[in-house]
C-alpha atoms as a PDB file:
ATOM      1  CA  MET A   1     139.221 117.079 124.378  1.00  0.00           C
ATOM      2  CA  THR A   2     142.261 115.330 122.977  1.00  0.00           C
ATOM      3  CA  ALA A   3     143.592 112.014 124.242  1.00  0.00           C
ATOM      4  CA  TYR A   4     146.550 113.852 125.793  1.00  0.00           C
ATOM      5  CA  LYS A   5     144.270 116.159 127.777  1.00  0.00           C
ATOM      6  CA  VAL A   6     142.177 113.198 128.910  1.00  0.00           C
ATOM      7  CA  GLY A   7     145.330 111.391 130.072  1.00  0.00           C
ATOM      8  CA  TYR A   8     146.577 114.457 131.912  1.00  0.00           C
ATOM      9  CA  ALA A   9     143.251 114.994 133.688  1.00  0.00           C
ATOM     10  CA  GLU A  10     143.051 111.304 134.512  1.00  0.00           C
ATOM     11  CA  GLY A  11     146.520 111.415 136.046  1.00  0.00           C
ATOM     12  CA  GLN A  12     145.605 114.371 138.228  1.00  0.00           C
ATOM     13  CA  TRP A  13     142.452 112.659 139.445  1.00  0.00           C
ATOM     14  CA  THR A  14     144.420 109.483 140.170  1.00  0.00           C
ATOM     15  CA  VAL A  15     146.726 111.377 142.508  1.00  0.00           C
ATOM     16  CA  TRP A  16     143.812 112.976 144.361  1.00  0.00           C
ATOM     17  CA  ILE A  17     141.952 109.683 144.702  1.00  0.00           C
ATOM     18  CA  ALA A  18     145.094 107.920 145.972  1.00  0.00           C
ATOM     19  CA  LEU A  19     145.633 110.700 148.537  1.00  0.00           C
ATOM     20  CA  GLY A  20     141.985 110.471 149.576  1.00  0.00           C
ATOM     21  CA  LEU A  21     142.203 106.708 150.078  1.00  0.00           C
ATOM     22  CA  ALA A  22     145.389 107.109 152.111  1.00  0.00           C
ATOM     23  CA  ALA A  23     143.666 109.758 154.238  1.00  0.00           C
ATOM     24  CA  VAL A  24     140.720 107.433 154.871  1.00  0.00           C
ATOM     25  CA  TRP A  25     143.110 104.649 155.866  1.00  0.00           C
ATOM     26  CA  VAL A  26     144.937 106.889 158.338  1.00  0.00           C
ATOM     27  CA  ALA A  27     141.785 108.580 159.671  1.00  0.00           C
ATOM     28  CA  THR A  28     140.052 105.279 160.446  1.00  0.00           C
ATOM     29  CA  GLY A  29     143.082 103.767 162.190  1.00  0.00           C
ATOM     30  CA  ARG A  30     142.008 104.525 165.724  1.00  0.00           C
ATOM     31  CA  TRP A  31     138.391 103.550 164.996  1.00  0.00           C
ATOM     32  CA  ARG A  32     139.577 100.253 163.472  1.00  0.00           C
ATOM     33  CA  ASP A  33     142.101  99.253 166.093  1.00  0.00           C
ATOM     34  CA  TYR A  34     140.527 100.464 169.348  1.00  0.00           C
ATOM     35  CA  PRO A  35     136.785  99.780 169.529  1.00  0.00           C
ATOM     36  CA  SER A  36     134.910 100.604 172.707  1.00  0.00           C
ATOM     37  CA  GLY A  37     135.398  97.830 175.264  1.00  0.00           C
ATOM     38  CA  GLU A  38     132.253  98.469 177.261  1.00  0.00           C
ATOM     39  CA  GLY A  39     130.445  95.199 177.961  1.00  0.00           C
ATOM     40  CA  ARG A  40     132.769  93.092 175.777  1.00  0.00           C
ATOM     41  CA  ASN A  41     135.373  90.475 176.510  1.00  0.00           C
ATOM     42  CA  ALA A  42     138.759  90.187 174.777  1.00  0.00           C
ATOM     43  CA  GLU A  43     137.486  87.751 172.148  1.00  0.00           C
ATOM     44  CA  GLN A  44     134.604  90.027 171.180  1.00  0.00           C
ATOM     45  CA  LEU A  45     136.962  93.004 170.933  1.00  0.00           C
ATOM     46  CA  ALA A  46     139.351  91.060 168.692  1.00  0.00           C
ATOM     47  CA  SER A  47     136.427  90.021 166.511  1.00  0.00           C
ATOM     48  CA  GLU A  48     135.271  93.638 166.216  1.00  0.00           C
ATOM     49  CA  VAL A  49     138.780  94.814 165.270  1.00  0.00           C
ATOM     50  CA  ARG A  50     138.950  92.183 162.526  1.00  0.00           C
ATOM     51  CA  ARG A  51     135.476  93.097 161.258  1.00  0.00           C
ATOM     52  CA  ARG A  52     136.274  96.809 161.100  1.00  0.00           C
ATOM     53  CA  SER A  53     139.631  96.192 159.439  1.00  0.00           C
ATOM     54  CA  ARG A  54     137.977  94.029 156.778  1.00  0.00           C
ATOM     55  CA  LEU A  55     135.328  96.693 156.207  1.00  0.00           C
ATOM     56  CA  VAL A  56     137.882  99.462 155.675  1.00  0.00           C
ATOM     57  CA  ASN A  57     140.194  97.295 153.571  1.00  0.00           C
ATOM     58  CA  ARG A  58     137.385  96.099 151.307  1.00  0.00           C
ATOM     59  CA  SER A  59     135.974  99.601 150.915  1.00  0.00           C
ATOM     60  CA  ILE A  60     139.348 101.015 149.888  1.00  0.00           C
ATOM     61  CA  LEU A  61     139.945  98.082 147.550  1.00  0.00           C
ATOM     62  CA  ALA A  62     136.505  98.567 145.948  1.00  0.00           C
ATOM     63  CA  VAL A  63     137.101 102.279 145.300  1.00  0.00           C
ATOM     64  CA  ALA A  64     140.579 101.618 143.914  1.00  0.00           C
ATOM     65  CA  SER A  65     139.240  98.834 141.671  1.00  0.00           C
ATOM     66  CA  LEU A  66     136.485 101.061 140.315  1.00  0.00           C
ATOM     67  CA  TRP A  67     139.018 103.796 139.587  1.00  0.00           C
ATOM     68  CA  ILE A  68     141.311 101.374 137.750  1.00  0.00           C
ATOM     69  CA  LEU A  69     138.347 100.098 135.728  1.00  0.00           C
ATOM     70  CA  THR A  70     137.399 103.694 134.918  1.00  0.00           C
ATOM     71  CA  ASN A  71     140.978 104.389 133.786  1.00  0.00           C
ATOM     72  CA  ILE A  72     140.864 101.373 131.481  1.00  0.00           C
ATOM     73  CA  VAL A  73     137.528 102.394 129.971  1.00  0.00           C
ATOM     74  CA  VAL A  74     138.637 105.995 129.438  1.00  0.00           C
ATOM     75  CA  GLY A  75     141.931 104.778 127.973  1.00  0.00           C
ATOM     76  CA  VAL A  76     140.162 102.523 125.485  1.00  0.00           C
ATOM     77  CA  TRP A  77     137.771 105.338 124.613  1.00  0.00           C
ATOM     78  CA  ALA A  78     140.661 107.771 124.045  1.00  0.00           C
ATOM     79  CA  VAL A  79     142.495 105.321 121.771  1.00  0.00           C
ATOM     80  CA  ARG A  80     139.392 104.693 119.665  1.00  0.00           C
ATOM     81  CA  GLN A  81     138.778 108.435 119.142  1.00  0.00           C
END
């Protein structure tokens, strides 16, 4: 596989991963922002919203960071070939 083919495939995967992360962000919106209020007061609900938002944000950031790191490694590998 040439460096050009690797770059093309990498670009296609980047688009799909970005779309997937956006879909996760949108799909978890209601879960993040409106937790069940049964047996909780307003402070506990606010705390749960913050916790869920941090969880989703950090998960998306971790996946995006791993993908960027993978792009760098593949790019270095392609240049050295």
